[in-house]
Amino acid sequence: MEIGYGAGAICEYPWHQEDIHGQGWTEEEETRAVHCLGILPELGVRWVDTAHRYGQGLSEALVGAARKLTEGDGIRVITKV
């Protein structure tokens, strides 16, 4: 059995925003979100479900930033259009 994470949750209140350019987000919140996504492998998470619709592209940007920091670390990204 594999454990996954729905990245739409990372874009929900209090971080919900109008667009991907940071309205409503601070740099600290973005850093914290990327860190949280980055430790998913340590928690046994093997895949992340994301879509452009989640936070109007924000979840994909955050997941991408976390994967860069962790060099992918074996997490598969599942997305849809």
PDB file of N, CA and C in Angstrom:
ATOM      1  N   MET A   1       0.839  -1.175   0.000  1.00  0.00           N
ATOM      2  CA  MET A   1       0.000   0.000   0.000  1.00  0.00           C
ATOM      3  C   MET A   1       0.890   1.248   0.000  1.00  0.00           C
ATOM      4  N   GLU A   2       0.516   2.222  -0.804  1.00  0.00           N
ATOM      5  CA  GLU A   2       1.252   3.483  -0.852  1.00  0.00           C
ATOM      6  C   GLU A   2       0.411   4.605  -0.284  1.00  0.00           C
ATOM      7  N   ILE A   3       1.084   5.557   0.325  1.00  0.00           N
ATOM      8  CA  ILE A   3       0.416   6.722   0.891  1.00  0.00           C
ATOM      9  C   ILE A   3       0.639   7.901  -0.039  1.00  0.00           C
ATOM     10  N   GLY A   4      -0.428   8.659  -0.287  1.00  0.00           N
ATOM     11  CA  GLY A   4      -0.336   9.836  -1.135  1.00  0.00           C
ATOM     12  C   GLY A   4      -0.854  11.069  -0.410  1.00  0.00           C
ATOM     13  N   TYR A   5      -0.657  12.210  -1.029  1.00  0.00           N
ATOM     14  CA  TYR A   5      -1.099  13.485  -0.462  1.00  0.00           C
ATOM     15  C   TYR A   5      -1.801  14.294  -1.536  1.00  0.00           C
ATOM     16  N   GLY A   6      -2.969  14.812  -1.235  1.00  0.00           N
ATOM     17  CA  GLY A   6      -3.711  15.692  -2.131  1.00  0.00           C
ATOM     18  C   GLY A   6      -3.265  17.129  -1.930  1.00  0.00           C
ATOM     19  N   ALA A   7      -2.502  17.667  -2.880  1.00  0.00           N
ATOM     20  CA  ALA A   7      -1.891  18.987  -2.718  1.00  0.00           C
ATOM     21  C   ALA A   7      -2.889  20.143  -2.774  1.00  0.00           C
ATOM     22  N   GLY A   8      -4.133  19.871  -3.103  1.00  0.00           N
ATOM     23  CA  GLY A   8      -5.138  20.932  -3.051  1.00  0.00           C
ATOM     24  C   GLY A   8      -5.269  21.491  -1.648  1.00  0.00           C
ATOM     25  N   ALA A   9      -5.014  20.658  -0.659  1.00  0.00           N
ATOM     26  CA  ALA A   9      -5.141  21.093   0.735  1.00  0.00           C
ATOM     27  C   ALA A   9      -4.130  22.168   1.110  1.00  0.00           C
ATOM     28  N   ILE A  10      -2.977  22.184   0.466  1.00  0.00           N
ATOM     29  CA  ILE A  10      -1.948  23.167   0.813  1.00  0.00           C
ATOM     30  C   ILE A  10      -2.387  24.569   0.383  1.00  0.00           C
ATOM     31  N   CYS A  11      -3.368  24.644  -0.516  1.00  0.00           N
ATOM     32  CA  CYS A  11      -3.830  25.943  -1.033  1.00  0.00           C
ATOM     33  C   CYS A  11      -5.094  26.443  -0.341  1.00  0.00           C
ATOM     34  N   GLU A  12      -5.590  25.710   0.596  1.00  0.00           N
ATOM     35  CA  GLU A  12      -6.812  26.110   1.295  1.00  0.00           C
ATOM     36  C   GLU A  12      -6.525  27.165   2.349  1.00  0.00           C
ATOM     37  N   TYR A  13      -7.571  27.716   2.920  1.00  0.00           N
ATOM     38  CA  TYR A  13      -7.466  28.705   3.998  1.00  0.00           C
ATOM     39  C   TYR A  13      -6.464  28.208   5.023  1.00  0.00           C
ATOM     40  N   PRO A  14      -5.586  29.039   5.555  1.00  0.00           N
ATOM     41  CA  PRO A  14      -5.518  30.492   5.397  1.00  0.00           C
ATOM     42  C   PRO A  14      -4.659  30.945   4.226  1.00  0.00           C
ATOM     43  N   TRP A  15      -4.169  30.031   3.418  1.00  0.00           N
ATOM     44  CA  TRP A  15      -3.256  30.410   2.357  1.00  0.00           C
ATOM     45  C   TRP A  15      -3.944  30.654   1.034  1.00  0.00           C
ATOM     46  N   HIS A  16      -5.270  30.506   0.969  1.00  0.00           N
ATOM     47  CA  HIS A  16      -5.966  30.685  -0.299  1.00  0.00           C
ATOM     48  C   HIS A  16      -5.682  32.069  -0.853  1.00  0.00           C
ATOM     49  N   GLN A  17      -5.523  32.155  -2.127  1.00  0.00           N
ATOM     50  CA  GLN A  17      -5.149  33.418  -2.750  1.00  0.00           C
ATOM     51  C   GLN A  17      -5.880  33.610  -4.068  1.00  0.00           C
ATOM     52  N   GLU A  18      -5.814  34.797  -4.585  1.00  0.00           N
ATOM     53  CA  GLU A  18      -6.486  35.114  -5.840  1.00  0.00           C
ATOM     54  C   GLU A  18      -5.709  34.626  -7.057  1.00  0.00           C
ATOM     55  N   ASP A  19      -4.396  34.713  -7.040  1.00  0.00           N
ATOM     56  CA  ASP A  19      -3.625  34.259  -8.187  1.00  0.00           C
ATOM     57  C   ASP A  19      -2.264  33.725  -7.754  1.00  0.00           C
ATOM     58  N   ILE A  20      -1.563  33.183  -8.713  1.00  0.00           N
ATOM     59  CA  ILE A  20      -0.288  32.523  -8.426  1.00  0.00           C
ATOM     60  C   ILE A  20       0.831  33.514  -8.115  1.00  0.00           C
ATOM     61  N   HIS A  21       0.590  34.789  -8.262  1.00  0.00           N
ATOM     62  CA  HIS A  21       1.637  35.780  -8.062  1.00  0.00           C
ATOM     63  C   HIS A  21       1.770  36.248  -6.624  1.00  0.00           C
ATOM     64  N   GLY A  22       1.162  35.547  -5.702  1.00  0.00           N
ATOM     65  CA  GLY A  22       1.437  35.811  -4.305  1.00  0.00           C
ATOM     66  C   GLY A  22       0.462  36.714  -3.577  1.00  0.00           C
ATOM     67  N   GLN A  23      -0.618  37.125  -4.204  1.00  0.00           N
ATOM     68  CA  GLN A  23      -1.589  37.931  -3.466  1.00  0.00           C
ATOM     69  C   GLN A  23      -2.136  37.092  -2.324  1.00  0.00           C
ATOM     70  N   GLY A  24      -2.000  37.597  -1.130  1.00  0.00           N
ATOM     71  CA  GLY A  24      -2.487  36.857   0.029  1.00  0.00           C
ATOM     72  C   GLY A  24      -1.457  35.927   0.648  1.00  0.00           C
ATOM     73  N   TRP A  25      -0.321  35.753   0.012  1.00  0.00           N
ATOM     74  CA  TRP A  25       0.734  34.893   0.528  1.00  0.00           C
ATOM     75  C   TRP A  25       1.920  35.742   0.934  1.00  0.00           C
ATOM     76  N   THR A  26       2.567  35.345   1.995  1.00  0.00           N
ATOM     77  CA  THR A  26       3.828  35.977   2.347  1.00  0.00           C
ATOM     78  C   THR A  26       4.949  35.013   1.964  1.00  0.00           C
ATOM     79  N   GLU A  27       6.144  35.512   1.885  1.00  0.00           N
ATOM     80  CA  GLU A  27       7.287  34.648   1.566  1.00  0.00           C
ATOM     81  C   GLU A  27       7.453  33.581   2.639  1.00  0.00           C
ATOM     82  N   GLU A  28       7.192  33.952   3.883  1.00  0.00           N
ATOM     83  CA  GLU A  28       7.306  32.993   4.986  1.00  0.00           C
ATOM     84  C   GLU A  28       6.307  31.847   4.821  1.00  0.00           C
ATOM     85  N   GLU A  29       5.073  32.159   4.428  1.00  0.00           N
ATOM     86  CA  GLU A  29       4.064  31.111   4.243  1.00  0.00           C
ATOM     87  C   GLU A  29       4.437  30.176   3.095  1.00  0.00           C
ATOM     88  N   GLU A  30       4.953  30.749   2.022  1.00  0.00           N
ATOM     89  CA  GLU A  30       5.368  29.927   0.891  1.00  0.00           C
ATOM     90  C   GLU A  30       6.528  29.017   1.294  1.00  0.00           C
ATOM     91  N   THR A  31       7.492  29.554   2.014  1.00  0.00           N
ATOM     92  CA  THR A  31       8.629  28.759   2.489  1.00  0.00           C
ATOM     93  C   THR A  31       8.148  27.633   3.395  1.00  0.00           C
ATOM     94  N   ARG A  32       7.218  27.944   4.268  1.00  0.00           N
ATOM     95  CA  ARG A  32       6.679  26.933   5.183  1.00  0.00           C
ATOM     96  C   ARG A  32       5.944  25.830   4.420  1.00  0.00           C
ATOM     97  N   ALA A  33       5.164  26.212   3.414  1.00  0.00           N
ATOM     98  CA  ALA A  33       4.434  25.235   2.611  1.00  0.00           C
ATOM     99  C   ALA A  33       5.391  24.315   1.859  1.00  0.00           C
ATOM    100  N   VAL A  34       6.425  24.889   1.257  1.00  0.00           N
ATOM    101  CA  VAL A  34       7.415  24.089   0.533  1.00  0.00           C
ATOM    102  C   VAL A  34       8.127  23.140   1.499  1.00  0.00           C
ATOM    103  N   HIS A  35       8.461  23.615   2.686  1.00  0.00           N
ATOM    104  CA  HIS A  35       9.101  22.750   3.693  1.00  0.00           C
ATOM    105  C   HIS A  35       8.174  21.586   4.059  1.00  0.00           C
ATOM    106  N   CYS A  36       6.909  21.881   4.294  1.00  0.00           N
ATOM    107  CA  CYS A  36       5.949  20.824   4.655  1.00  0.00           C
ATOM    108  C   CYS A  36       5.852  19.773   3.560  1.00  0.00           C
ATOM    109  N   LEU A  37       5.794  20.220   2.311  1.00  0.00           N
ATOM    110  CA  LEU A  37       5.758  19.275   1.197  1.00  0.00           C
ATOM    111  C   LEU A  37       7.075  18.500   1.095  1.00  0.00           C
ATOM    112  N   GLY A  38       8.175  19.161   1.417  1.00  0.00           N
ATOM    113  CA  GLY A  38       9.489  18.529   1.320  1.00  0.00           C
ATOM    114  C   GLY A  38       9.719  17.407   2.309  1.00  0.00           C
ATOM    115  N   ILE A  39       9.019  17.409   3.427  1.00  0.00           N
ATOM    116  CA  ILE A  39       9.224  16.338   4.411  1.00  0.00           C
ATOM    117  C   ILE A  39       8.264  15.162   4.215  1.00  0.00           C
ATOM    118  N   LEU A  40       7.425  15.226   3.199  1.00  0.00           N
ATOM    119  CA  LEU A  40       6.486  14.126   2.962  1.00  0.00           C
ATOM    120  C   LEU A  40       7.176  12.766   2.833  1.00  0.00           C
ATOM    121  N   PRO A  41       8.330  12.666   2.142  1.00  0.00           N
ATOM    122  CA  PRO A  41       8.976  11.348   2.058  1.00  0.00           C
ATOM    123  C   PRO A  41       9.342  10.774   3.429  1.00  0.00           C
ATOM    124  N   GLU A  42       9.736  11.641   4.351  1.00  0.00           N
ATOM    125  CA  GLU A  42      10.068  11.180   5.703  1.00  0.00           C
ATOM    126  C   GLU A  42       8.846  10.597   6.410  1.00  0.00           C
ATOM    127  N   LEU A  43       7.661  11.025   5.975  1.00  0.00           N
ATOM    128  CA  LEU A  43       6.410  10.558   6.572  1.00  0.00           C
ATOM    129  C   LEU A  43       5.835   9.353   5.834  1.00  0.00           C
ATOM    130  N   GLY A  44       6.555   8.878   4.823  1.00  0.00           N
ATOM    131  CA  GLY A  44       6.113   7.698   4.093  1.00  0.00           C
ATOM    132  C   GLY A  44       5.250   7.989   2.875  1.00  0.00           C
ATOM    133  N   VAL A  45       5.093   9.244   2.514  1.00  0.00           N
ATOM    134  CA  VAL A  45       4.285   9.611   1.346  1.00  0.00           C
ATOM    135  C   VAL A  45       5.085   9.333   0.082  1.00  0.00           C
ATOM    136  N   ARG A  46       4.460   8.662  -0.885  1.00  0.00           N
ATOM    137  CA  ARG A  46       5.157   8.273  -2.106  1.00  0.00           C
ATOM    138  C   ARG A  46       4.647   8.994  -3.347  1.00  0.00           C
ATOM    139  N   TRP A  47       3.476   9.627  -3.282  1.00  0.00           N
ATOM    140  CA  TRP A  47       2.977  10.370  -4.431  1.00  0.00           C
ATOM    141  C   TRP A  47       2.162  11.575  -3.973  1.00  0.00           C
ATOM    142  N   VAL A  48       2.114  12.569  -4.855  1.00  0.00           N
ATOM    143  CA  VAL A  48       1.378  13.810  -4.590  1.00  0.00           C
ATOM    144  C   VAL A  48       0.423  14.043  -5.755  1.00  0.00           C
ATOM    145  N   ASP A  49      -0.830  14.252  -5.430  1.00  0.00           N
ATOM    146  CA  ASP A  49      -1.852  14.565  -6.431  1.00  0.00           C
ATOM    147  C   ASP A  49      -2.008  16.076  -6.496  1.00  0.00           C
ATOM    148  N   THR A  50      -1.878  16.640  -7.685  1.00  0.00           N
ATOM    149  CA  THR A  50      -2.020  18.078  -7.843  1.00  0.00           C
ATOM    150  C   THR A  50      -2.731  18.380  -9.160  1.00  0.00           C
ATOM    151  N   ALA A  51      -3.129  19.601  -9.331  1.00  0.00           N
ATOM    152  CA  ALA A  51      -3.771  20.048 -10.573  1.00  0.00           C
ATOM    153  C   ALA A  51      -3.683  21.561 -10.631  1.00  0.00           C
ATOM    154  N   HIS A  52      -3.711  22.088 -11.832  1.00  0.00           N
ATOM    155  CA  HIS A  52      -3.657  23.542 -11.998  1.00  0.00           C
ATOM    156  C   HIS A  52      -4.812  24.221 -11.253  1.00  0.00           C
ATOM    157  N   ARG A  53      -5.922  23.544 -11.153  1.00  0.00           N
ATOM    158  CA  ARG A  53      -7.113  24.101 -10.492  1.00  0.00           C
ATOM    159  C   ARG A  53      -6.882  24.376  -9.002  1.00  0.00           C
ATOM    160  N   TYR A  54      -5.993  23.630  -8.373  1.00  0.00           N
ATOM    161  CA  TYR A  54      -5.729  23.811  -6.944  1.00  0.00           C
ATOM    162  C   TYR A  54      -4.943  25.093  -6.739  1.00  0.00           C
ATOM    163  N   GLY A  55      -5.606  26.104  -6.253  1.00  0.00           N
ATOM    164  CA  GLY A  55      -4.949  27.384  -6.002  1.00  0.00           C
ATOM    165  C   GLY A  55      -4.532  28.087  -7.283  1.00  0.00           C
ATOM    166  N   GLN A  56      -5.226  27.793  -8.363  1.00  0.00           N
ATOM    167  CA  GLN A  56      -4.938  28.403  -9.672  1.00  0.00           C
ATOM    168  C   GLN A  56      -3.472  28.222 -10.060  1.00  0.00           C
ATOM    169  N   GLY A  57      -2.959  27.021  -9.849  1.00  0.00           N
ATOM    170  CA  GLY A  57      -1.581  26.696 -10.207  1.00  0.00           C
ATOM    171  C   GLY A  57      -0.605  26.751  -9.042  1.00  0.00           C
ATOM    172  N   LEU A  58      -1.064  27.262  -7.918  1.00  0.00           N
ATOM    173  CA  LEU A  58      -0.175  27.397  -6.768  1.00  0.00           C
ATOM    174  C   LEU A  58       0.318  26.046  -6.256  1.00  0.00           C
ATOM    175  N   SER A  59      -0.565  25.055  -6.177  1.00  0.00           N
ATOM    176  CA  SER A  59      -0.125  23.758  -5.642  1.00  0.00           C
ATOM    177  C   SER A  59       0.966  23.155  -6.520  1.00  0.00           C
ATOM    178  N   GLU A  60       0.830  23.270  -7.842  1.00  0.00           N
ATOM    179  CA  GLU A  60       1.858  22.729  -8.727  1.00  0.00           C
ATOM    180  C   GLU A  60       3.185  23.463  -8.545  1.00  0.00           C
ATOM    181  N   ALA A  61       3.124  24.769  -8.367  1.00  0.00           N
ATOM    182  CA  ALA A  61       4.353  25.545  -8.145  1.00  0.00           C
ATOM    183  C   ALA A  61       5.024  25.142  -6.832  1.00  0.00           C
ATOM    184  N   LEU A  62       4.233  24.950  -5.788  1.00  0.00           N
ATOM    185  CA  LEU A  62       4.788  24.568  -4.484  1.00  0.00           C
ATOM    186  C   LEU A  62       5.370  23.154  -4.524  1.00  0.00           C
ATOM    187  N   VAL A  63       4.648  22.240  -5.163  1.00  0.00           N
ATOM    188  CA  VAL A  63       5.140  20.865  -5.283  1.00  0.00           C
ATOM    189  C   VAL A  63       6.435  20.849  -6.091  1.00  0.00           C
ATOM    190  N   GLY A  64       6.487  21.624  -7.164  1.00  0.00           N
ATOM    191  CA  GLY A  64       7.707  21.714  -7.971  1.00  0.00           C
ATOM    192  C   GLY A  64       8.875  22.253  -7.174  1.00  0.00           C
ATOM    193  N   ALA A  65       8.632  23.287  -6.371  1.00  0.00           N
ATOM    194  CA  ALA A  65       9.698  23.868  -5.543  1.00  0.00           C
ATOM    195  C   ALA A  65      10.189  22.851  -4.515  1.00  0.00           C
ATOM    196  N   ALA A  66       9.266  22.108  -3.921  1.00  0.00           N
ATOM    197  CA  ALA A  66       9.647  21.101  -2.924  1.00  0.00           C
ATOM    198  C   ALA A  66      10.450  19.981  -3.580  1.00  0.00           C
ATOM    199  N   ARG A  67      10.048  19.560  -4.776  1.00  0.00           N
ATOM    200  CA  ARG A  67      10.794  18.502  -5.480  1.00  0.00           C
ATOM    201  C   ARG A  67      12.196  18.960  -5.831  1.00  0.00           C
ATOM    202  N   LYS A  68      12.352  20.227  -6.182  1.00  0.00           N
ATOM    203  CA  LYS A  68      13.689  20.759  -6.481  1.00  0.00           C
ATOM    204  C   LYS A  68      14.581  20.684  -5.251  1.00  0.00           C
ATOM    205  N   LEU A  69      14.036  21.081  -4.112  1.00  0.00           N
ATOM    206  CA  LEU A  69      14.814  21.082  -2.873  1.00  0.00           C
ATOM    207  C   LEU A  69      15.207  19.676  -2.440  1.00  0.00           C
ATOM    208  N   THR A  70      14.333  18.719  -2.695  1.00  0.00           N
ATOM    209  CA  THR A  70      14.587  17.348  -2.254  1.00  0.00           C
ATOM    210  C   THR A  70      15.114  16.466  -3.375  1.00  0.00           C
ATOM    211  N   GLU A  71      15.394  17.076  -4.544  1.00  0.00           N
ATOM    212  CA  GLU A  71      15.862  16.347  -5.721  1.00  0.00           C
ATOM    213  C   GLU A  71      14.916  15.219  -6.104  1.00  0.00           C
ATOM    214  N   GLY A  72      13.608  15.455  -5.924  1.00  0.00           N
ATOM    215  CA  GLY A  72      12.604  14.467  -6.294  1.00  0.00           C
ATOM    216  C   GLY A  72      12.340  13.450  -5.213  1.00  0.00           C
ATOM    217  N   ASP A  73      13.377  12.955  -4.600  1.00  0.00           N
ATOM    218  CA  ASP A  73      13.326  12.031  -3.460  1.00  0.00           C
ATOM    219  C   ASP A  73      12.298  10.911  -3.607  1.00  0.00           C
ATOM    220  N   GLY A  74      12.074  10.456  -4.847  1.00  0.00           N
ATOM    221  CA  GLY A  74      11.212   9.299  -5.050  1.00  0.00           C
ATOM    222  C   GLY A  74       9.724   9.574  -5.015  1.00  0.00           C
ATOM    223  N   ILE A  75       9.308  10.798  -4.905  1.00  0.00           N
ATOM    224  CA  ILE A  75       7.877  11.109  -4.894  1.00  0.00           C
ATOM    225  C   ILE A  75       7.404  11.302  -6.329  1.00  0.00           C
ATOM    226  N   ARG A  76       6.354  10.571  -6.671  1.00  0.00           N
ATOM    227  CA  ARG A  76       5.742  10.739  -7.989  1.00  0.00           C
ATOM    228  C   ARG A  76       4.693  11.847  -7.892  1.00  0.00           C
ATOM    229  N   VAL A  77       4.569  12.588  -8.967  1.00  0.00           N
ATOM    230  CA  VAL A  77       3.573  13.649  -9.041  1.00  0.00           C
ATOM    231  C   VAL A  77       2.475  13.179  -9.990  1.00  0.00           C
ATOM    232  N   ILE A  78       1.248  13.247  -9.514  1.00  0.00           N
ATOM    233  CA  ILE A  78       0.091  12.894 -10.326  1.00  0.00           C
ATOM    234  C   ILE A  78      -0.686  14.180 -10.548  1.00  0.00           C
ATOM    235  N   THR A  79      -0.900  14.535 -11.805  1.00  0.00           N
ATOM    236  CA  THR A  79      -1.605  15.777 -12.100  1.00  0.00           C
ATOM    237  C   THR A  79      -2.656  15.510 -13.169  1.00  0.00           C
ATOM    238  N   LYS A  80      -3.469  16.488 -13.415  1.00  0.00           N
ATOM    239  CA  LYS A  80      -4.517  16.355 -14.422  1.00  0.00           C
ATOM    240  C   LYS A  80      -4.805  17.704 -15.044  1.00  0.00           C
ATOM    241  N   VAL A  81      -5.475  17.681 -16.179  1.00  0.00           N
ATOM    242  CA  VAL A  81      -5.821  18.934 -16.855  1.00  0.00           C
ATOM    243  C   VAL A  81      -7.320  19.112 -16.853  1.00  0.00           C
TER     244      VAL A  81
END
